[in-house]
Amino acid sequence: MSMNAETRVVKKKGLKAVDVAVVAVLLAVGAVLRMFCPPLVAGITPNFVIGMYCLAILLLRPKLSGAIGIGLVAGAVCQLTTKSAIPFLSFVSEPLGALAVYLLAFINIEVGVVKYIRVFVISFLGTTVSGSVFVGIMIQVLTASGKNTPALAALSAVVLITALFNAILASVLYVPLKTALSKNR
């Protein structure tokens, strides 16, 4: 046998059971935070599930299909706590937010202070993508149906506020969770 045949690299096949458990716990934490957080603007509550799936993707580094799967499960979890005028939008916005986080995670920024705020920036942008897709579709549908409400303008502010909260939350939890997960592997 040649040296090359012996030193093959085994590719990651998918999420392990412990990875699935980590995703489940993080999404549950996001759902609980969302349920008990008071509304910020115009009765709109921030979506902390997004911050938790951003964190899960950054910690676990799944394949593309795993990241999209996490986004779809997050969309389902969001259905349990949504007050949206248009149900099921999370099934579009969350996978797209998860895709954004997945793609941004490949950017290896190892210069200066940026490497220390990497989780913050990626979580902020992932939340912004998800929220912008959600708000964009909602505005288009409600405007087309003649239901333009004053709360629609407030949605953009809530997206940015939620992005900030999610980025802070993910940044604070990242190192301790990464350390804990490293001990279990």
Protein backbone atom coordinates (compact mmCIF):
# COMPACT_ATOMS: atom_id res chain seq x y z
CA MET A 1 0.00 0.00 0.00
CA SER A 2 1.31 3.42 -0.85
CA MET A 3 1.67 6.22 1.64
CA ASN A 4 -1.12 8.19 -0.07
CA ALA A 5 -3.65 5.42 0.37
CA GLU A 6 -2.86 5.13 4.07
CA THR A 7 -3.10 8.85 4.80
CA ARG A 8 -6.51 9.48 3.26
CA VAL A 9 -8.53 12.19 4.88
CA VAL A 10 -11.98 11.13 6.02
CA LYS A 11 -14.50 13.85 5.27
CA LYS A 12 -17.12 14.82 7.81
CA LYS A 13 -20.32 12.97 6.89
CA GLY A 14 -22.76 15.08 8.86
CA LEU A 15 -23.66 16.30 12.28
CA LYS A 16 -22.95 13.88 15.13
CA ALA A 17 -25.54 13.16 17.80
CA VAL A 18 -23.82 15.56 20.19
CA ASP A 19 -23.91 18.25 17.48
CA VAL A 20 -27.65 17.75 17.01
CA ALA A 21 -28.11 18.02 20.78
CA VAL A 22 -26.10 21.27 20.85
CA VAL A 23 -28.26 22.72 18.06
CA ALA A 24 -31.45 21.64 19.84
CA VAL A 25 -30.39 23.21 23.14
CA LEU A 26 -29.28 26.46 21.51
CA LEU A 27 -32.50 26.78 19.49
CA ALA A 28 -34.55 26.04 22.61
CA VAL A 29 -32.67 28.75 24.51
CA GLY A 30 -33.36 31.17 21.64
CA ALA A 31 -37.07 30.28 21.70
CA VAL A 32 -37.31 30.77 25.46
CA LEU A 33 -35.55 34.14 25.24
CA ARG A 34 -37.91 35.16 22.47
CA MET A 35 -41.01 34.12 24.41
CA PHE A 36 -40.04 36.05 27.54
CA CYS A 37 -38.45 39.14 25.99
CA PRO A 38 -40.75 42.15 26.09
CA PRO A 39 -41.66 43.77 22.76
CA LEU A 40 -39.22 46.47 21.66
CA VAL A 41 -40.91 48.65 19.05
CA ALA A 42 -44.56 48.61 17.96
CA GLY A 43 -45.17 45.32 19.78
CA ILE A 44 -42.41 43.50 17.88
CA THR A 45 -40.25 41.02 19.80
CA PRO A 46 -36.65 40.27 18.76
CA ASN A 47 -35.89 36.81 17.41
CA PHE A 48 -33.10 35.29 19.51
CA VAL A 49 -33.43 31.96 17.70
CA ILE A 50 -31.40 33.55 14.91
CA GLY A 51 -28.51 34.35 17.24
CA MET A 52 -28.54 30.79 18.52
CA TYR A 53 -28.37 29.20 15.06
CA CYS A 54 -25.59 31.63 14.14
CA LEU A 55 -23.72 30.40 17.20
CA ALA A 56 -24.45 26.74 16.36
CA ILE A 57 -23.10 27.10 12.82
CA LEU A 58 -19.99 28.95 14.00
CA LEU A 59 -19.30 26.37 16.71
CA LEU A 60 -20.05 23.18 14.77
CA ARG A 61 -19.02 24.18 11.24
CA PRO A 62 -21.49 21.84 9.50
CA LYS A 63 -21.54 21.12 5.79
CA LEU A 64 -23.79 23.31 3.64
CA SER A 65 -26.68 20.87 3.92
CA GLY A 66 -26.29 20.84 7.72
CA ALA A 67 -26.33 24.64 7.88
CA ILE A 68 -29.48 24.81 5.72
CA GLY A 69 -31.02 22.07 7.90
CA ILE A 70 -30.26 24.12 11.01
CA GLY A 71 -31.93 27.09 9.34
CA LEU A 72 -35.04 25.03 8.50
CA VAL A 73 -35.32 23.67 12.04
CA ALA A 74 -34.88 27.22 13.34
CA GLY A 75 -37.71 28.29 11.02
CA ALA A 76 -39.91 25.59 12.54
CA VAL A 77 -38.96 26.66 16.07
CA CYS A 78 -39.80 30.26 15.17
CA GLN A 79 -43.32 29.15 14.23
CA LEU A 80 -43.92 28.28 17.87
CA THR A 81 -43.28 31.83 19.03
CA THR A 82 -44.21 33.98 16.02
CA LYS A 83 -46.72 36.80 16.12
CA SER A 84 -46.19 37.54 12.43
CA ALA A 85 -49.08 38.64 10.25
CA ILE A 86 -47.75 36.22 7.63
CA PRO A 87 -47.04 32.76 9.03
CA PHE A 88 -44.26 30.59 7.70
CA LEU A 89 -41.97 33.42 6.53
CA SER A 90 -39.31 31.98 8.83
CA PHE A 91 -39.06 28.94 6.55
CA VAL A 92 -37.55 31.29 3.96
CA SER A 93 -35.68 33.80 6.13
CA GLU A 94 -33.97 31.40 8.55
CA PRO A 95 -32.36 29.10 5.96
CA LEU A 96 -31.12 32.18 4.08
CA GLY A 97 -29.70 33.63 7.31
CA ALA A 98 -28.07 30.28 8.06
CA LEU A 99 -26.60 30.22 4.55
CA ALA A 100 -25.16 33.70 5.09
CA VAL A 101 -23.53 32.60 8.36
CA TYR A 102 -22.19 29.45 6.70
CA LEU A 103 -20.61 31.46 3.87
CA LEU A 104 -19.25 34.18 6.16
CA ALA A 105 -17.68 31.55 8.41
CA PHE A 106 -15.32 30.64 5.54
CA ILE A 107 -13.82 34.11 5.56
CA ASN A 108 -10.73 33.66 7.68
CA ILE A 109 -10.02 37.03 9.22
CA GLU A 110 -6.92 36.78 11.36
CA VAL A 111 -5.76 40.38 11.44
CA GLY A 112 -5.77 42.76 14.36
CA VAL A 113 -8.87 43.22 16.40
CA VAL A 114 -11.13 41.78 13.70
CA LYS A 115 -10.29 38.20 14.66
CA TYR A 116 -11.65 38.92 18.13
CA ILE A 117 -14.92 40.37 16.89
CA ARG A 118 -15.40 37.80 14.10
CA VAL A 119 -18.29 36.03 15.88
CA PHE A 120 -19.91 39.41 16.58
CA VAL A 121 -19.69 40.52 12.94
CA ILE A 122 -20.88 37.20 11.48
CA SER A 123 -23.80 36.94 13.93
CA PHE A 124 -24.76 40.56 13.27
CA LEU A 125 -24.72 40.03 9.50
CA GLY A 126 -26.51 36.66 9.71
CA THR A 127 -29.29 38.21 11.77
CA THR A 128 -29.46 41.18 9.41
CA VAL A 129 -29.80 38.91 6.37
CA SER A 130 -32.53 36.83 8.00
CA GLY A 131 -34.39 39.87 9.30
CA SER A 132 -34.09 41.76 6.02
CA VAL A 133 -35.48 38.82 4.05
CA PHE A 134 -38.34 38.46 6.55
CA VAL A 135 -39.15 42.18 6.52
CA GLY A 136 -38.72 42.51 2.75
CA ILE A 137 -41.17 39.71 2.00
CA MET A 138 -43.61 40.92 4.64
CA ILE A 139 -43.60 44.47 3.29
CA GLN A 140 -44.12 43.24 -0.29
CA VAL A 141 -47.01 40.93 0.63
CA LEU A 142 -48.79 43.36 2.95
CA THR A 143 -48.35 46.31 0.60
CA ALA A 144 -49.62 44.26 -2.37
CA SER A 145 -52.69 43.30 -0.36
CA GLY A 146 -53.32 46.91 0.67
CA LYS A 147 -52.49 46.34 4.34
CA ASN A 148 -49.83 48.93 4.99
CA THR A 149 -49.44 49.30 8.73
CA PRO A 150 -47.30 51.80 10.67
CA ALA A 151 -45.50 48.88 12.30
CA LEU A 152 -43.81 48.00 9.01
CA ALA A 153 -41.46 50.97 9.34
CA ALA A 154 -40.50 49.82 12.82
CA LEU A 155 -39.51 46.38 11.53
CA SER A 156 -36.20 47.66 10.14
CA ALA A 157 -35.28 49.13 13.50
CA VAL A 158 -36.14 45.87 15.22
CA VAL A 159 -33.93 43.94 12.77
CA LEU A 160 -30.93 46.12 13.64
CA ILE A 161 -31.61 46.02 17.38
CA THR A 162 -32.05 42.24 17.25
CA ALA A 163 -28.86 41.91 15.20
CA LEU A 164 -26.99 43.83 17.88
CA PHE A 165 -28.43 41.73 20.73
CA ASN A 166 -27.77 38.47 18.86
CA ALA A 167 -24.20 39.49 18.03
CA ILE A 168 -23.47 40.32 21.67
CA LEU A 169 -25.11 37.13 22.91
CA ALA A 170 -23.25 34.92 20.41
CA SER A 171 -19.95 36.65 21.20
CA VAL A 172 -20.34 36.16 24.93
CA LEU A 173 -21.31 32.48 24.61
CA TYR A 174 -18.88 31.46 21.84
CA VAL A 175 -15.63 30.91 23.79
CA PRO A 176 -17.14 29.07 26.78
CA LEU A 177 -19.21 26.82 24.51
CA LYS A 178 -16.29 26.18 22.15
CA THR A 179 -14.16 25.22 25.16
CA ALA A 180 -16.87 22.91 26.54
CA LEU A 181 -17.42 21.28 23.15
CA SER A 182 -13.67 20.77 22.65
CA LYS A 183 -13.50 18.77 25.86
CA ASN A 184 -16.21 16.40 24.58
CA ARG A 185 -14.51 15.57 21.27
